[in-house]
Amino acid sequence: MNTTWRKEKVADVINLVLGTGLFLSPWVIALPPEAAASWNAWLSGILIAAVAVAALGAFAEWEEWLNVIVGLWVAASPWLVNFSANVTATRVHVIAGILVAVVAVVRIWLVHSHPPRVAA
């Protein structure tokens, strides 16, 4: 098995786990289903996980850029969607959002710092 392939996929697996964790977080921290924090976590978590699955299938740089944008949205959403009074939900969103964005940026950096090699 090609170890380079495995190293490249680690970032996508991490974002898949983070997206799944964000999706499950409203139940874990017992948020009410009608809360904005719950809906934001469900929708953002699904989007992050879906993009990560797509990147695992066939890498495209736009997928990582989309995860950077969604990660930044998730980190800022407690203030933008007005649920920052819930400290636990705010912490979950900020931590998950920053991690998703950082992992995606690292993946983009790896692609540009180690371009694929073509054997002649």
Protein backbone atom coordinates (compact mmCIF):
# COMPACT_ATOMS: atom_id res chain seq x y z
CA MET A 1 0.00 0.00 0.00
CA ASN A 2 1.24 3.46 -0.85
CA THR A 3 2.03 5.33 2.41
CA THR A 4 1.69 8.74 0.71
CA TRP A 5 -1.93 7.95 -0.13
CA ARG A 6 -2.62 7.09 3.49
CA LYS A 7 -0.99 10.25 4.81
CA GLU A 8 -3.05 12.41 2.47
CA LYS A 9 -6.30 10.81 3.54
CA VAL A 10 -5.72 11.37 7.28
CA ALA A 11 -6.93 14.98 7.07
CA ASP A 12 -10.16 13.89 5.37
CA VAL A 13 -10.76 11.18 7.98
CA ILE A 14 -10.18 13.72 10.77
CA ASN A 15 -12.71 16.11 9.22
CA LEU A 16 -15.17 13.24 8.79
CA VAL A 17 -14.87 12.48 12.51
CA LEU A 18 -15.17 16.17 13.41
CA GLY A 19 -18.25 16.60 11.20
CA THR A 20 -19.87 13.52 12.71
CA GLY A 21 -19.03 14.72 16.21
CA LEU A 22 -20.50 18.15 15.50
CA PHE A 23 -23.66 16.53 14.12
CA LEU A 24 -24.04 14.41 17.29
CA SER A 25 -23.13 17.21 19.71
CA PRO A 26 -26.68 18.55 20.29
CA TRP A 27 -27.69 15.16 21.73
CA VAL A 28 -24.47 14.78 23.71
CA ILE A 29 -24.73 18.22 25.36
CA ALA A 30 -28.54 18.01 25.57
CA LEU A 31 -29.51 21.02 23.50
CA PRO A 32 -33.20 21.48 22.74
CA PRO A 33 -34.05 20.39 19.17
CA GLU A 34 -35.57 23.76 18.30
CA ALA A 35 -32.42 25.66 19.35
CA ALA A 36 -30.40 27.48 16.70
CA ALA A 37 -27.26 25.80 18.02
CA SER A 38 -28.76 22.37 17.34
CA TRP A 39 -29.75 23.19 13.79
CA ASN A 40 -26.42 24.81 13.08
CA ALA A 41 -24.55 21.77 14.43
CA TRP A 42 -26.69 19.32 12.43
CA LEU A 43 -26.45 21.15 9.12
CA SER A 44 -22.79 22.11 9.45
CA GLY A 45 -21.84 18.63 10.67
CA ILE A 46 -23.56 17.00 7.71
CA LEU A 47 -21.85 19.37 5.28
CA ILE A 48 -18.39 18.85 6.79
CA ALA A 49 -18.80 15.06 6.83
CA ALA A 50 -20.19 14.97 3.28
CA VAL A 51 -17.31 17.03 1.92
CA ALA A 52 -14.82 14.81 3.77
CA VAL A 53 -16.40 11.68 2.27
CA ALA A 54 -16.25 13.26 -1.19
CA ALA A 55 -12.57 14.09 -0.64
CA LEU A 56 -11.88 10.52 0.45
CA GLY A 57 -13.43 9.29 -2.79
CA ALA A 58 -11.61 11.67 -5.13
CA PHE A 59 -9.58 14.62 -3.93
CA ALA A 60 -10.30 18.05 -5.32
CA GLU A 61 -8.87 21.20 -3.80
CA TRP A 62 -12.27 22.96 -3.75
CA GLU A 63 -13.47 20.40 -1.18
CA GLU A 64 -10.79 21.50 1.25
CA TRP A 65 -11.53 25.19 0.61
CA LEU A 66 -15.21 24.48 1.30
CA ASN A 67 -14.26 22.87 4.61
CA VAL A 68 -12.15 25.94 5.48
CA ILE A 69 -15.18 28.17 4.86
CA VAL A 70 -17.59 25.91 6.75
CA GLY A 71 -15.09 25.56 9.62
CA LEU A 72 -14.80 29.33 9.92
CA TRP A 73 -18.60 29.62 9.78
CA VAL A 74 -18.97 27.05 12.57
CA ALA A 75 -16.40 28.89 14.73
CA ALA A 76 -18.13 32.25 14.24
CA SER A 77 -21.72 30.97 14.27
CA PRO A 78 -22.37 31.33 18.03
CA TRP A 79 -22.22 35.12 17.53
CA LEU A 80 -23.66 35.23 14.02
CA VAL A 81 -26.66 33.02 14.85
CA ASN A 82 -26.94 34.41 18.41
CA PHE A 83 -26.47 31.41 20.67
CA SER A 84 -23.25 32.56 22.36
CA ALA A 85 -25.06 32.70 25.72
CA ASN A 86 -24.93 28.89 25.74
CA VAL A 87 -21.31 28.46 26.79
CA THR A 88 -21.15 24.72 26.09
CA ALA A 89 -22.59 25.02 22.59
CA THR A 90 -20.28 27.96 21.88
CA ARG A 91 -17.21 26.00 22.98
CA VAL A 92 -18.20 22.98 20.88
CA HIS A 93 -18.76 25.12 17.79
CA VAL A 94 -15.59 27.21 18.19
CA ILE A 95 -13.33 24.21 18.83
CA ALA A 96 -14.85 22.07 16.06
CA GLY A 97 -14.84 24.96 13.58
CA ILE A 98 -11.22 25.88 14.21
CA LEU A 99 -10.10 22.25 14.00
CA VAL A 100 -11.97 21.66 10.72
CA ALA A 101 -10.52 24.82 9.17
CA VAL A 102 -6.97 24.09 10.36
CA VAL A 103 -7.07 20.49 9.13
CA ALA A 104 -8.34 21.64 5.73
CA VAL A 105 -5.65 24.35 5.48
CA VAL A 106 -2.96 21.80 6.37
CA ARG A 107 -4.29 19.50 3.65
CA ILE A 108 -4.17 22.33 1.10
CA TRP A 109 -0.65 23.20 2.22
CA LEU A 110 0.45 19.58 1.84
CA VAL A 111 -0.89 19.45 -1.70
CA HIS A 112 1.00 22.59 -2.69
CA SER A 113 4.22 21.77 -0.85
CA HIS A 114 4.41 18.18 -2.13
CA PRO A 115 2.97 18.11 -5.66
CA PRO A 116 2.19 14.66 -7.03
CA ARG A 117 5.02 13.00 -8.92
CA VAL A 118 4.51 11.35 -12.24
CA ALA A 119 6.76 8.42 -13.08
CA ALA A 120 8.06 8.46 -16.63
